[in-house]
Protein backbone atom coordinates (compact mmCIF):
# COMPACT_ATOMS: atom_id res chain seq x y z
CA MET A 1 14.23 -2.46 -7.61
CA GLY A 2 15.93 -0.76 -10.62
CA ASP A 3 16.38 3.02 -10.96
CA THR A 4 14.34 3.24 -14.10
CA ALA A 5 11.81 6.21 -14.34
CA ASP A 6 8.87 3.91 -13.76
CA THR A 7 10.36 2.02 -10.78
CA LEU A 8 11.34 5.59 -9.28
CA VAL A 9 7.67 6.91 -9.41
CA ALA A 10 6.30 3.74 -8.13
CA ALA A 11 8.78 4.24 -5.13
CA TYR A 12 7.63 7.57 -4.56
CA ALA A 13 3.96 6.43 -4.63
CA HIS A 14 4.95 3.70 -2.26
CA GLU A 15 6.15 6.18 0.19
CA LEU A 16 3.55 8.55 -0.29
CA SER A 17 1.08 5.80 0.54
CA HIS A 18 2.94 5.49 3.88
CA ILE A 19 2.70 9.23 4.54
CA MET A 20 -0.83 9.85 3.32
CA VAL A 21 -2.87 6.84 4.30
CA GLY A 22 -0.47 5.02 6.77
CA ALA A 23 -0.46 1.84 4.53
CA PRO A 24 2.09 -0.70 5.76
CA GLU A 25 4.59 -2.58 3.81
CA GLU A 26 3.68 -5.68 2.08
CA TYR A 27 6.90 -7.10 0.59
CA VAL A 28 9.25 -9.58 1.83
CA PRO A 29 11.78 -7.91 4.09
CA ALA A 30 15.47 -7.91 3.56
CA PRO A 31 17.40 -10.92 5.20
CA GLY A 32 18.10 -9.56 8.73
CA ASP A 33 15.62 -6.76 8.74
CA THR A 34 13.63 -6.72 11.97
CA HIS A 35 11.21 -3.82 10.84
CA ASP A 36 7.64 -5.00 11.00
CA PRO A 37 8.39 -8.91 11.24
CA GLY A 38 4.70 -9.56 11.17
CA ARG A 39 3.76 -7.85 7.87
CA THR A 40 1.39 -9.37 5.33
CA ILE A 41 3.22 -10.36 2.19
CA THR A 42 1.26 -9.65 -1.12
CA HIS A 43 1.64 -10.68 -4.80
CA ASP A 44 -1.14 -8.72 -6.21
CA ASP A 45 0.47 -5.70 -7.76
CA SER A 46 -0.15 -3.72 -4.50
CA ILE A 47 1.91 -0.40 -4.45
CA MET A 48 2.97 -1.39 -0.95
CA GLY A 49 4.36 -4.69 -2.11
CA GLN A 50 7.54 -5.41 -4.11
CA ILE A 51 8.48 -3.02 -6.89
CA THR A 52 10.15 -4.37 -9.93
CA SER A 53 10.65 -2.88 -13.30
CA ALA A 54 8.51 -5.56 -14.51
CA ASN A 55 5.46 -4.54 -12.35
CA ALA A 56 6.03 -0.93 -11.96
CA LEU A 57 3.53 0.07 -14.50
CA ARG A 58 0.59 -2.27 -12.95
CA LEU A 59 0.98 -1.31 -9.25
CA GLU A 60 -2.14 0.16 -7.47
CA ILE A 61 -3.35 1.34 -4.13
CA LYS A 62 -5.42 -1.69 -2.99
CA ASP A 63 -8.84 -1.01 -1.30
CA ARG A 64 -7.29 -2.56 2.06
CA ALA A 65 -4.89 0.46 2.24
CA LEU A 66 -7.89 2.78 2.26
CA ALA A 67 -10.09 0.77 4.65
CA PHE A 68 -9.46 2.84 7.56
CA LEU A 69 -11.16 5.66 6.05
CA ALA A 70 -14.48 3.91 6.23
CA LEU A 71 -14.08 3.23 10.02
CA TRP A 72 -13.14 6.80 10.58
CA ALA A 73 -15.94 8.26 8.53
CA HIS A 74 -18.33 5.90 10.38
CA ARG A 75 -17.61 7.74 13.65
CA TYR A 76 -19.05 10.94 12.06
CA PHE A 77 -22.07 9.50 10.25
CA PRO A 78 -23.37 6.78 12.69
CA GLY A 79 -26.07 4.57 11.17
CA ARG A 80 -25.06 5.07 7.85
CA ARG A 81 -23.48 2.37 5.57
CA ILE A 82 -20.01 3.70 4.55
CA SER A 83 -17.79 1.57 2.18
CA ILE A 84 -15.07 1.95 -0.39
CA VAL A 85 -16.35 1.54 -4.09
CA ARG A 86 -13.98 0.79 -6.76
C-alpha cells in the first residue's frame, strides 16, 4: 500500500471496520505472518482486502462484514425476518 491520501483514507476505514463491526482481514498475509492463518482471501474490492492505490477509491464495506448485525437483532425480534438490504 502506498502512502497516497486515498490509500491512507482506505487504511483508516479498514481499521475502523475492525473496531466498529469486528470485520476480519481478507488479504493475503505477509510471508511468515502467523496472524489469522485461516483467513478468507477476497478480490472483490472489500475494504478488508488488499488496499492499493489502484483500488483505493473502489473499496467498500461488504454485506458479509455486517451479517452479524442481523443475527444480533434477531435475538431481540424473534419471529421477524431481518436482513441486510443494499
